[in-house]
């Protein structure tokens, strides 16, 4: 029969002679057979014994064969069962099959069924074996689909985690659940001691002392071996492995039997080890368990590495923010400290230019003195303007403003008033639109934008400069404001650097101090817009900025 253990058969039959004949025939075939004279005793024997298959005769006292099958079904899964019926009682046989019987056999007057019964028993047992294999395969597929679904969800959740401790905790919860391990731990290279490992997370039941922050020196334990070689280790009895270190169990009070350790790898570099212990259905880890843990380790390593990078970026951002605050405070203090004495110098220079210029003679010495006085006044005003722009730049960085409807006609008029001396001195022609679209912004800042654009146009917009201002509402709900000049134009290389702080571009031998257009960009972007320049060498330039349109 192809099995070292004999098959045990329980046969319920009230005809003693037939029962003995069938018992003898089956024992000759290698079966162990117990006989019950009726259904009641048969059920009692079934509950107290361990039978591989049951054969029941339909016509018995106390309980019929169908009643016996129904009672067995009510108490749990029906064992492999054969219904024995008389000739012409196929209806009973069909009913038994519906209840779960594996097959039926019909008694014939010649006793041929006695010879057929061993074959039927083998067929029913084979059916049950195949059904059990199918159940196990389906269960394994279900488990695999469950594991894959969990792996997919874990990969997504790990990717979203930006904290190392949270990523490690989520990884350990998932891996111990999937491979049914008693515990797990994550070991990463120690940043303070080269070659050492430090435990960054542990999940164990019954630990007296936590593994977290425990360190392994170079070469200590299976985890160190895995981290150094980059190879996985799966051992059924870890204490007998020469690489195993009993010190960890001694420190924590845990008893390790089976152990599975896999490297945490990122970009071909091992950053640590994922270790699970005492797992699997039979207390050890299978090859499938190893594959699952390695897959989890790949996702976990990426999540831990990303979280580390984010943490480092947070630290650098905080440091940079602190430095920027210090720099802003320094710039603001210096600018204020410079502005006061500079105002005195400029004021006296203006007085000297106005009151002493006429008293100076027309000789060479007088002309030279007038030039010096005018240079002092002119450069003093330029320095004052630079300091004002530094203060404005600091204000833009730290100040949040409420946007409002901008009266662009008034704002442009105020900007031109500030530049009246320059406009008159350069004999600039400025063309304005009749109507301005209404946009959202902050009036003082927008005035600064126009002042920079117009002064730039006057300086570089030709001799004499001809400027045209305008605006148009775009389809995307913003208003583009622009100023066009007839200057010499700007090369593509210089256009790319125009709005960069402290960039000076030579246009017809004129240079700026490099803050104006940078301030323009910062203002416009802070208000939700963008800046742009369009220019061709020899054809003039158009500078523009956008603001949200008012509804």
Protein backbone atom coordinates (compact mmCIF):
# COMPACT_ATOMS: atom_id res chain seq x y z
CA UNK A 1 0.00 0.00 0.00
CA UNK A 2 3.05 2.23 -0.17
CA UNK A 3 2.96 3.28 3.51
CA UNK A 4 5.01 2.09 6.49
CA UNK A 5 2.12 2.78 8.85
CA UNK A 6 -0.89 0.45 8.26
CA UNK A 7 -4.22 2.06 7.43
CA UNK A 8 -6.82 1.69 10.21
CA UNK A 9 -10.36 0.91 9.04
CA UNK A 10 -13.57 1.08 11.10
CA UNK A 11 -16.32 -1.06 9.56
CA UNK A 12 -19.90 -0.83 10.91
CA UNK A 13 -21.87 -3.99 9.97
CA UNK A 14 -24.64 -5.84 11.87
CA UNK A 15 -24.19 -9.10 9.90
CA UNK A 16 -21.46 -10.86 11.90
CA UNK A 17 -20.58 -13.31 9.13
CA UNK A 18 -20.17 -10.66 6.44
CA UNK A 19 -18.24 -8.49 8.87
CA UNK A 20 -15.74 -11.27 9.57
CA UNK A 21 -15.32 -12.04 5.86
CA UNK A 22 -14.61 -8.36 5.05
CA UNK A 23 -12.30 -8.02 8.05
CA UNK A 24 -10.26 -11.05 6.97
CA UNK A 25 -10.07 -9.80 3.37
CA UNK A 26 -8.87 -6.34 4.35
CA UNK A 27 -6.34 -7.70 6.87
CA UNK A 28 -4.93 -9.86 4.08
CA UNK A 29 -4.49 -6.65 2.09
CA UNK A 30 -2.51 -5.12 4.99
CA UNK A 31 -5.20 -3.07 6.73
CA UNK A 32 -5.95 -2.95 10.45
CA UNK A 33 -9.72 -3.42 10.80
CA UNK A 34 -12.09 -2.89 13.74
CA UNK A 35 -15.73 -3.99 13.43
CA UNK A 36 -18.77 -2.40 15.14
CA UNK A 37 -22.08 -4.40 15.21
CA UNK A 38 -24.29 -1.30 14.97
CA UNK A 39 -24.21 2.45 14.40
CA UNK A 40 -24.28 3.41 18.06
CA UNK A 41 -21.21 1.35 18.97
CA UNK A 42 -19.56 2.39 15.74
CA UNK A 43 -19.90 6.08 16.64
CA UNK A 44 -18.46 5.43 20.10
CA UNK A 45 -15.50 3.58 18.60
CA UNK A 46 -14.98 6.39 16.05
CA UNK A 47 -14.84 9.06 18.76
CA UNK A 48 -12.39 7.12 20.92
CA UNK A 49 -10.20 5.71 18.17
CA UNK A 50 -7.94 7.06 15.46
CA UNK A 51 -9.18 5.74 12.13
CA UNK A 52 -8.02 6.60 8.62
CA UNK A 53 -11.26 5.54 6.93
CA UNK A 54 -14.81 4.49 7.90
CA UNK A 55 -17.08 2.07 6.04
CA UNK A 56 -20.75 1.95 7.07
CA UNK A 57 -23.55 -0.42 6.11
CA UNK A 58 -26.87 1.27 5.49
CA UNK A 59 -29.17 -1.27 7.18
CA UNK A 60 -28.12 -1.39 10.85
CA UNK A 61 -30.00 -1.28 14.16
CA UNK A 62 -30.10 1.86 16.33
CA UNK A 63 -28.65 4.12 13.60
CA UNK A 64 -28.72 3.57 9.84
CA UNK A 65 -25.66 4.26 7.72
CA UNK A 66 -27.01 7.67 6.60
CA UNK A 67 -27.79 8.61 10.21
CA UNK A 68 -24.26 7.68 11.25
CA UNK A 69 -22.83 9.88 8.50
CA UNK A 70 -25.08 12.78 9.52
CA UNK A 71 -24.04 12.46 13.19
CA UNK A 72 -20.33 12.39 12.24
CA UNK A 73 -20.85 15.49 10.05
CA UNK A 74 -22.50 17.33 12.94
CA UNK A 75 -19.42 16.79 15.10
CA UNK A 76 -16.82 18.03 12.64
CA UNK A 77 -15.24 17.30 9.29
CA UNK A 78 -16.32 13.96 7.88
CA UNK A 79 -13.44 11.46 7.63
CA UNK A 80 -12.88 9.44 4.44
CA UNK A 81 -16.11 7.43 4.34
CA UNK A 82 -17.52 4.60 2.18
CA UNK A 83 -21.25 3.78 2.12
CA UNK A 84 -22.09 0.06 1.74
CA UNK A 85 -25.62 -0.48 0.34
CA UNK A 86 -27.70 -3.30 -0.97
CA UNK A 87 -28.54 -3.87 -4.63
CA UNK A 88 -30.98 -1.31 -5.99
CA UNK A 89 -30.38 1.20 -3.20
CA UNK A 90 -28.49 3.72 -5.29
CA UNK A 91 -30.64 6.59 -3.93
CA UNK A 92 -29.14 6.04 -0.47
CA UNK A 93 -25.67 5.95 -1.97
CA UNK A 94 -26.24 9.27 -3.74
CA UNK A 95 -27.53 10.84 -0.51
CA UNK A 96 -24.42 9.64 1.30
CA UNK A 97 -22.21 11.17 -1.38
CA UNK A 98 -24.04 14.47 -0.96
CA UNK A 99 -23.28 14.36 2.76
CA UNK A 100 -19.57 13.99 2.00
CA UNK A 101 -18.93 10.26 1.59
CA UNK A 102 -15.99 9.58 -0.68
CA UNK A 103 -17.57 6.61 -2.53
CA UNK A 104 -20.05 3.77 -2.19
CA UNK A 105 -20.05 0.03 -2.88
CA UNK A 106 -23.00 -2.28 -3.53
CA UNK A 107 -23.25 -5.67 -1.85
CA UNK A 108 -23.78 -8.42 -4.39
CA UNK A 109 -24.98 -11.95 -3.69
CA UNK A 110 -21.74 -13.46 -4.98
CA UNK A 111 -19.62 -11.47 -2.50
CA UNK A 112 -17.63 -9.78 -5.26
CA UNK A 113 -17.73 -6.51 -3.34
CA UNK A 114 -15.35 -8.06 -0.79
CA UNK A 115 -12.68 -8.22 -3.48
CA UNK A 116 -13.53 -4.71 -4.74
CA UNK A 117 -13.52 -2.98 -1.34
CA UNK A 118 -9.68 -2.68 -0.92
CA UNK A 119 -9.48 -0.89 -4.26
CA UNK A 120 -12.31 1.46 -3.30
CA UNK A 121 -10.57 2.20 0.02
CA UNK A 122 -7.35 3.10 -1.80
CA UNK A 123 -9.28 5.37 -4.18
CA UNK A 124 -11.08 7.17 -1.34
CA UNK A 125 -7.83 7.63 0.58
CA UNK A 126 -6.14 8.94 -2.56
CA UNK A 127 -9.01 11.39 -3.10
CA UNK A 128 -8.62 12.62 0.46
CA UNK A 129 -4.84 12.94 0.04
CA UNK A 130 -5.28 14.95 -3.17
CA UNK A 131 -7.95 17.10 -1.53
CA UNK A 132 -5.60 17.75 1.41
CA UNK A 133 -2.74 18.65 -0.95
CA UNK A 134 -5.07 21.01 -2.81
CA UNK A 135 -6.14 22.59 0.48
CA UNK A 136 -2.52 23.09 1.49
CA UNK A 137 -1.65 24.58 -1.91
CA UNK A 138 -4.61 26.96 -1.75
CA UNK A 139 -3.69 27.89 1.82
CA UNK A 140 -0.07 28.47 0.78
CA UNK A 141 -1.21 30.63 -2.14
CA UNK A 142 -3.50 32.57 0.15
CA UNK A 143 -0.65 33.06 2.61
CA UNK A 144 1.69 34.13 -0.18
CA UNK A 145 -0.86 36.64 -1.52
CA UNK A 146 -1.33 37.91 2.02
CA UNK A 147 2.43 38.28 2.44
CA UNK A 148 2.79 40.04 -0.92
CA UNK A 149 -0.07 42.41 -0.08
CA UNK A 150 1.54 43.14 3.28
CA UNK A 151 4.91 43.66 1.59
CA UNK A 152 3.37 46.11 -0.87
CA UNK A 153 1.59 48.06 1.87
CA UNK A 154 4.73 48.06 3.99
CA UNK A 155 6.83 49.34 1.09
CA UNK A 156 4.40 52.22 0.57
CA UNK A 157 4.19 53.07 4.27
CA UNK A 158 7.96 52.86 4.72
CA UNK A 159 8.53 55.17 1.77
CA UNK A 160 6.33 57.78 3.44
CA UNK A 161 8.17 57.60 6.77
CA UNK A 162 10.77 60.28 7.35
CA UNK A 163 11.83 59.29 10.86
CA UNK A 164 14.42 56.55 11.50
CA UNK A 165 12.81 55.25 14.70
CA UNK A 166 9.37 55.02 13.09
CA UNK A 167 10.77 53.25 10.02
CA UNK A 168 12.63 50.71 12.18
CA UNK A 169 9.58 50.07 14.38
CA UNK A 170 7.29 49.55 11.37
CA UNK A 171 9.82 47.24 9.73
CA UNK A 172 10.14 45.05 12.83
CA UNK A 173 6.38 44.81 13.35
CA UNK A 174 5.90 43.66 9.76
CA UNK A 175 8.79 41.19 9.55
CA UNK A 176 7.97 39.43 12.83
CA UNK A 177 4.32 39.11 11.79
CA UNK A 178 5.07 37.74 8.33
CA UNK A 179 7.57 35.04 9.39
CA UNK A 180 5.93 34.45 12.80
CA UNK A 181 9.12 35.24 14.68
CA UNK A 182 9.34 35.72 18.44
CA UNK A 183 11.52 38.76 18.00
CA UNK A 184 13.55 40.95 15.68
CA UNK A 185 16.13 43.71 15.77
CA UNK A 186 17.80 46.27 13.49
CA UNK A 187 21.53 46.95 13.78
CA UNK A 188 23.21 49.89 12.03
CA UNK A 189 26.84 50.90 11.73
CA UNK A 190 27.83 53.02 14.73
CA UNK A 191 28.70 56.56 13.62
CA UNK A 192 30.87 57.08 16.73
CA UNK A 193 32.93 53.87 16.57
CA UNK A 194 34.17 52.54 13.26
CA UNK A 195 33.38 48.86 12.70
CA UNK A 196 30.90 48.66 15.59
CA UNK A 197 27.17 47.99 15.27
CA UNK A 198 24.50 49.64 17.40
CA UNK A 199 20.95 48.36 17.90
CA UNK A 200 18.48 50.99 16.67
CA UNK A 201 15.31 49.00 17.33
CA UNK A 202 14.20 45.71 18.88
CA UNK A 203 10.93 43.81 19.23
CA UNK A 204 11.12 40.77 21.55
CA UNK A 205 8.68 39.12 23.94
CA UNK A 206 9.90 38.48 27.47
CA UNK A 207 13.10 40.53 27.37
CA UNK A 208 14.48 41.51 30.78
CA UNK A 209 16.59 44.27 29.21
CA UNK A 210 16.12 46.03 25.87
CA UNK A 211 18.58 45.61 23.04
CA UNK A 212 18.23 49.24 21.93
CA UNK A 213 21.55 51.13 22.00
CA UNK A 214 23.42 47.89 22.71
CA UNK A 215 26.69 47.81 20.75
CA UNK A 216 28.53 44.94 19.07
CA UNK A 217 32.27 45.21 18.63
CA UNK A 218 33.84 44.20 15.29
CA UNK A 219 33.41 40.46 14.72
CA UNK A 220 30.96 39.95 17.60
CA UNK A 221 27.92 37.87 16.74
CA UNK A 222 26.23 36.75 13.55
CA UNK A 223 25.01 40.31 12.92
CA UNK A 224 28.61 41.56 12.65
CA UNK A 225 29.46 38.75 10.25
CA UNK A 226 26.48 39.60 8.02
CA UNK A 227 27.26 43.34 8.09
CA UNK A 228 30.89 42.69 7.15
CA UNK A 229 30.35 40.08 4.41
CA UNK A 230 27.01 41.33 3.06
CA UNK A 231 25.67 37.74 3.05
CA UNK A 232 22.50 36.42 4.71
CA UNK A 233 22.58 33.75 7.44
CA UNK A 234 19.80 31.26 8.28
CA UNK A 235 20.58 28.81 11.09
CA UNK A 236 18.14 26.41 12.78
CA UNK A 237 20.17 26.24 16.01
CA UNK A 238 22.09 29.49 16.46
CA UNK A 239 23.94 28.60 19.71
CA UNK A 240 25.80 25.81 17.89
CA UNK A 241 27.00 28.22 15.16
CA UNK A 242 30.58 29.39 15.78
CA UNK A 243 29.65 32.96 14.75
CA UNK A 244 26.93 33.22 17.40
CA UNK A 245 27.67 35.35 20.47
CA UNK A 246 25.90 34.22 23.67
CA UNK A 247 26.68 37.57 25.30
CA UNK A 248 23.51 39.17 23.90
CA UNK A 249 21.22 36.50 25.38
CA UNK A 250 23.15 36.77 28.65
CA UNK A 251 22.60 40.53 28.78
CA UNK A 252 18.92 40.47 27.82
CA UNK A 253 17.66 37.20 29.36
CA UNK A 254 16.40 35.99 25.96
CA UNK A 255 16.94 32.44 24.67
CA UNK A 256 17.78 32.30 20.98
CA UNK A 257 17.24 29.10 19.00
CA UNK A 258 16.76 29.75 15.28
CA UNK A 259 18.12 32.93 13.72
CA UNK A 260 17.80 34.65 10.35
CA UNK A 261 19.94 37.72 9.61
CA UNK A 262 20.04 39.65 6.30
CA UNK A 263 22.02 42.76 5.30
CA UNK A 264 20.38 46.16 4.97
CA UNK A 265 21.79 47.36 1.69
CA UNK A 266 21.55 50.75 -0.05
CA UNK A 267 23.30 51.51 -3.35
CA UNK A 268 25.57 48.44 -3.04
CA UNK A 269 26.65 49.47 0.47
CA UNK A 270 25.63 47.63 3.66
CA UNK A 271 24.27 50.07 6.25
CA UNK A 272 23.27 47.46 8.82
CA UNK A 273 21.50 44.16 9.54
CA UNK A 274 17.90 43.02 9.99
CA UNK A 275 17.71 40.02 12.34
CA UNK A 276 14.74 37.82 13.36
CA UNK A 277 14.83 34.98 15.88
CA UNK A 278 12.83 31.90 16.94
CA UNK A 279 10.36 31.84 14.09
CA UNK A 280 8.54 29.82 11.52
CA UNK A 281 5.83 27.22 12.00
CA UNK A 282 8.29 24.57 13.23
CA UNK A 283 10.58 26.93 15.14
CA UNK A 284 13.02 27.57 12.29
CA UNK A 285 13.00 29.71 9.16
CA UNK A 286 12.37 28.34 5.66
CA UNK A 287 13.82 29.46 2.35
CA UNK A 288 10.57 31.32 1.69
CA UNK A 289 11.03 33.12 5.01
CA UNK A 290 14.54 34.13 3.94
CA UNK A 291 13.23 35.52 0.64
CA UNK A 292 10.49 37.50 2.41
CA UNK A 293 12.87 38.95 5.00
CA UNK A 294 15.37 39.93 2.29
CA UNK A 295 12.59 41.71 0.39
CA UNK A 296 11.52 43.52 3.54
CA UNK A 297 15.13 44.40 4.29
CA UNK A 298 15.51 46.03 0.87
CA UNK A 299 12.48 48.30 1.46
CA UNK A 300 13.50 48.94 5.05
CA UNK A 301 17.06 49.91 4.12
CA UNK A 302 15.81 52.49 1.62
CA UNK A 303 13.36 53.90 4.18
CA UNK A 304 16.04 54.15 6.89
CA UNK A 305 18.49 55.77 4.48
CA UNK A 306 15.86 58.27 3.29
CA UNK A 307 14.92 59.08 6.89
CA UNK A 308 18.58 59.67 7.72
CA UNK A 309 18.96 62.00 4.74
CA UNK A 310 15.82 63.90 5.74
CA UNK A 311 17.07 64.22 9.32
CA UNK A 312 20.42 65.49 8.06
CA UNK A 313 18.63 67.94 5.77
CA UNK A 314 16.50 69.14 8.68
CA UNK A 315 19.60 69.77 10.75
CA UNK A 316 21.32 71.59 7.91
CA UNK A 317 18.17 73.62 7.25
CA UNK A 318 17.93 74.59 10.91
CA UNK A 319 21.60 75.58 10.95
CA UNK A 320 21.21 77.54 7.73
CA UNK A 321 18.10 79.26 9.04
CA UNK A 322 19.95 80.25 12.21
CA UNK A 323 22.85 81.59 10.13
CA UNK A 324 20.45 83.52 7.89
CA UNK A 325 18.77 85.04 10.92
CA UNK A 326 22.17 86.04 12.30
CA UNK A 327 23.16 87.43 8.89
CA UNK A 328 19.92 89.37 8.55
CA UNK A 329 20.30 90.79 12.03
CA UNK A 330 23.92 91.72 11.29
CA UNK A 331 23.05 93.32 7.95
CA UNK A 332 20.17 95.24 9.51
CA UNK A 333 22.36 96.49 12.37
CA UNK A 334 25.26 97.46 10.11
CA UNK A 335 22.95 99.18 7.65
CA UNK A 336 21.35 101.22 10.42
CA UNK A 337 24.72 102.06 11.96
CA UNK A 338 26.02 103.21 8.57
CA UNK A 339 22.93 105.13 7.55
CA UNK A 340 23.05 107.65 10.39
CA UNK A 341 26.64 108.96 9.91
CA UNK A 342 26.27 108.68 6.15
CA UNK A 343 23.20 110.89 6.29
CA UNK A 344 25.25 113.54 8.05
CA UNK A 345 28.02 113.28 5.46
CA UNK A 346 25.58 113.51 2.53
CA UNK A 347 23.74 116.42 4.14
CA UNK A 348 26.92 118.45 4.62
CA UNK A 349 28.06 117.55 1.10
CA UNK A 350 24.78 118.85 -0.35
CA UNK A 351 25.16 122.08 1.66
CA UNK A 352 28.69 122.56 0.43
CA UNK A 353 27.65 121.97 -3.18
CA UNK A 354 24.81 124.50 -2.92
CA UNK A 355 26.49 127.22 -0.85
CA UNK A 356 30.15 127.06 -1.77
CA UNK A 357 30.00 126.16 -5.46
CA UNK A 358 29.26 129.77 -6.50
CA UNK A 359 32.01 131.15 -4.26
CA UNK A 360 34.68 129.07 -5.89
CA UNK A 361 36.56 130.70 -8.68
CA UNK A 362 36.49 129.78 -12.35
CA UNK A 363 40.11 128.79 -12.36
CA UNK A 364 41.38 125.21 -12.44
CA UNK A 365 41.46 124.94 -8.66
CA UNK A 366 37.82 126.04 -8.35
CA UNK A 367 36.65 123.59 -11.02
CA UNK A 368 38.51 120.78 -9.32
CA UNK A 369 36.98 121.66 -5.92
CA UNK A 370 33.46 121.74 -7.42
CA UNK A 371 34.06 118.30 -8.99
CA UNK A 372 35.18 116.87 -5.67
CA UNK A 373 32.16 118.27 -3.82
CA UNK A 374 29.75 116.91 -6.46
CA UNK A 375 31.45 113.50 -6.37
CA UNK A 376 31.12 113.35 -2.59
CA UNK A 377 27.42 114.21 -2.77
CA UNK A 378 26.70 111.87 -5.71
CA UNK A 379 28.48 108.84 -4.22
CA UNK A 380 27.03 109.57 -0.80
CA UNK A 381 23.53 109.37 -2.27
CA UNK A 382 24.49 106.11 -4.03
CA UNK A 383 25.73 104.62 -0.77
CA UNK A 384 22.54 105.71 0.97
CA UNK A 385 20.52 104.02 -1.78
CA UNK A 386 22.51 100.79 -1.36
CA UNK A 387 21.92 100.81 2.39
CA UNK A 388 18.21 101.42 1.86
CA UNK A 389 18.07 98.46 -0.51
CA UNK A 390 19.89 96.26 2.01
CA UNK A 391 17.30 97.20 4.63
CA UNK A 392 14.48 96.51 2.18
CA UNK A 393 16.00 93.12 1.27
CA UNK A 394 16.10 92.16 4.96
CA UNK A 395 12.51 93.34 5.39
CA UNK A 396 11.29 91.26 2.44
CA UNK A 397 12.91 88.13 3.86
CA UNK A 398 11.31 88.37 7.29
CA UNK A 399 8.02 90.17 6.63
CA UNK A 400 4.70 88.67 5.60
CA UNK A 401 2.24 91.16 4.11
CA UNK A 402 -1.47 91.09 3.29
CA UNK A 403 -2.03 91.57 -0.43
CA UNK A 404 -4.51 94.24 -1.53
CA UNK A 405 -5.77 95.85 -4.71
CA UNK A 406 -2.95 97.91 -6.18
CA UNK A 407 -3.61 101.38 -7.61
CA UNK A 408 -0.95 100.95 -10.29
CA UNK A 409 -1.35 104.47 -11.72
CA UNK A 410 -0.59 105.97 -8.31
CA UNK A 411 2.27 103.50 -7.62
CA UNK A 412 3.98 104.24 -10.97
CA UNK A 413 3.54 107.97 -10.38
CA UNK A 414 5.22 107.70 -6.98
CA UNK A 415 8.12 105.71 -8.46
CA UNK A 416 8.63 108.32 -11.21
CA UNK A 417 8.52 111.11 -8.64
CA UNK A 418 11.41 109.44 -6.82
CA UNK A 419 13.32 109.36 -10.11
CA UNK A 420 12.39 112.86 -11.25
CA UNK A 421 15.98 114.18 -11.09
CA UNK A 422 17.30 111.20 -13.11
CA UNK A 423 14.47 111.46 -15.66
CA UNK A 424 15.18 115.14 -16.17
CA UNK A 425 18.93 114.72 -16.24
CA UNK A 426 18.82 111.95 -18.89
CA UNK A 427 15.90 113.59 -20.79
CA UNK A 428 14.04 110.27 -20.72
CA UNK A 429 10.78 109.88 -22.62
CA UNK A 430 8.32 107.60 -20.78
CA UNK A 431 5.03 106.45 -22.36
CA UNK A 432 2.29 105.28 -19.97
CA UNK A 433 -0.97 103.41 -20.71
CA UNK A 434 -4.33 105.13 -20.29
CA UNK A 435 -5.72 102.37 -18.08
CA UNK A 436 -3.99 99.88 -15.77
CA UNK A 437 -5.50 96.43 -14.99
CA UNK A 438 -6.12 95.89 -11.29
CA UNK A 439 -3.88 93.34 -9.58
CA UNK A 440 -3.20 92.17 -6.03
CA UNK A 441 0.02 93.13 -4.25
CA UNK A 442 1.64 95.40 -1.67
CA UNK A 443 1.89 99.04 -2.77
CA UNK A 444 5.26 99.99 -1.21
CA UNK A 445 6.95 96.87 -2.60
CA UNK A 446 5.44 97.29 -6.09
CA UNK A 447 6.66 100.90 -6.08
CA UNK A 448 10.17 99.55 -5.44
CA UNK A 449 9.79 97.16 -8.42
CA UNK A 450 8.84 99.99 -10.78
CA UNK A 451 11.57 102.25 -9.40
CA UNK A 452 14.19 99.62 -10.18
CA UNK A 453 12.79 98.77 -13.62
CA UNK A 454 12.43 102.44 -14.66
CA UNK A 455 15.86 103.50 -13.33
CA UNK A 456 17.39 100.50 -15.13
CA UNK A 457 15.63 101.51 -18.34
CA UNK A 458 16.84 105.10 -18.04
CA UNK A 459 20.43 103.98 -17.51
CA UNK A 460 20.51 101.40 -20.31
CA UNK A 461 17.58 102.30 -22.57
CA UNK A 462 19.43 104.37 -25.16
CA UNK A 463 20.52 107.99 -25.55
CA UNK A 464 18.14 109.62 -24.84
CA UNK A 465 16.21 106.74 -23.29
CA UNK A 466 12.74 105.92 -24.65
CA UNK A 467 10.64 103.77 -22.33
CA UNK A 468 7.16 102.32 -22.77
CA UNK A 469 5.18 100.87 -19.85
CA UNK A 470 2.16 98.61 -20.20
CA UNK A 471 0.15 95.68 -18.85
CA UNK A 472 -2.13 92.86 -20.02
CA UNK A 473 -4.40 90.32 -18.32
CA UNK A 474 -3.37 86.75 -19.23
CA UNK A 475 -5.60 83.68 -19.63
CA UNK A 476 -4.12 82.06 -16.50
CA UNK A 477 -5.59 84.73 -14.22
CA UNK A 478 -2.51 86.90 -13.73
CA UNK A 479 -1.58 90.37 -14.93
CA UNK A 480 1.76 90.87 -16.67
CA UNK A 481 3.26 94.36 -16.27
CA UNK A 482 6.14 95.36 -18.53
CA UNK A 483 8.59 98.09 -19.48
CA UNK A 484 10.24 98.22 -22.91
CA UNK A 485 13.40 100.18 -23.83
CA UNK A 486 15.35 100.90 -27.01
CA UNK A 487 18.75 100.07 -25.58
CA UNK A 488 21.50 97.86 -26.92
CA UNK A 489 19.89 94.63 -25.66
CA UNK A 490 21.27 91.86 -23.46
CA UNK A 491 22.95 88.61 -24.50
CA UNK A 492 21.33 85.27 -23.49
CA UNK A 493 24.26 84.54 -21.17
CA UNK A 494 23.79 87.82 -19.31
CA UNK A 495 19.99 87.38 -19.18
CA UNK A 496 20.46 84.19 -17.17
CA UNK A 497 22.37 86.15 -14.49
CA UNK A 498 20.31 89.34 -14.40
CA UNK A 499 18.21 88.64 -11.30
CA UNK A 500 21.06 87.08 -9.30
CA UNK A 501 22.16 89.08 -6.24
CA UNK A 502 25.34 91.18 -6.60
CA UNK A 503 25.63 90.53 -10.34
CA UNK A 504 26.97 93.47 -12.37
CA UNK A 505 26.53 93.49 -16.12
CA UNK A 506 28.24 96.02 -18.34
CA UNK A 507 25.86 97.71 -20.73
CA UNK A 508 27.33 100.67 -22.56
CA UNK A 509 30.02 100.97 -19.84
CA UNK A 510 27.43 101.46 -17.09
CA UNK A 511 27.29 99.19 -14.07
CA UNK A 512 24.90 98.84 -11.13
CA UNK A 513 25.60 97.67 -7.64
CA UNK A 514 23.81 94.38 -8.23
CA UNK A 515 20.94 94.54 -5.69
CA UNK A 516 18.08 96.19 -7.60
CA UNK A 517 16.92 93.35 -9.86
CA UNK A 518 17.54 90.82 -7.11
CA UNK A 519 15.15 92.78 -4.90
CA UNK A 520 12.64 92.92 -7.75
CA UNK A 521 12.68 89.13 -8.04
CA UNK A 522 12.34 88.60 -4.28
CA UNK A 523 9.41 91.02 -4.05
CA UNK A 524 7.51 89.58 -6.99
CA UNK A 525 8.02 85.96 -5.95
CA UNK A 526 6.98 86.78 -2.38
CA UNK A 527 3.74 88.20 -3.80
CA UNK A 528 3.10 85.07 -5.89
CA UNK A 529 4.37 86.29 -9.28
CA UNK A 530 7.39 85.87 -11.51
CA UNK A 531 9.90 88.09 -13.28
CA UNK A 532 11.07 87.85 -16.89
CA UNK A 533 13.34 89.54 -19.39
CA UNK A 534 13.09 89.34 -23.18
CA UNK A 535 15.92 90.84 -25.17
CA UNK A 536 17.99 90.59 -28.33
CA UNK A 537 21.33 92.27 -28.77
CA UNK A 538 20.81 95.49 -30.73
CA UNK A 539 16.99 95.42 -30.41
CA UNK A 540 16.28 96.63 -26.88
CA UNK A 541 14.81 94.79 -23.89
CA UNK A 542 11.47 94.14 -22.20
CA UNK A 543 11.42 93.55 -18.46
CA UNK A 544 8.19 92.24 -16.92
CA UNK A 545 6.62 90.88 -13.75
CA UNK A 546 3.30 89.23 -12.94
CA UNK A 547 0.80 89.60 -10.11
CA UNK A 548 -2.49 87.82 -9.39
CA UNK A 549 -5.38 89.61 -11.04
CA UNK A 550 -7.97 91.16 -8.70
CA UNK A 551 -11.43 89.63 -8.97
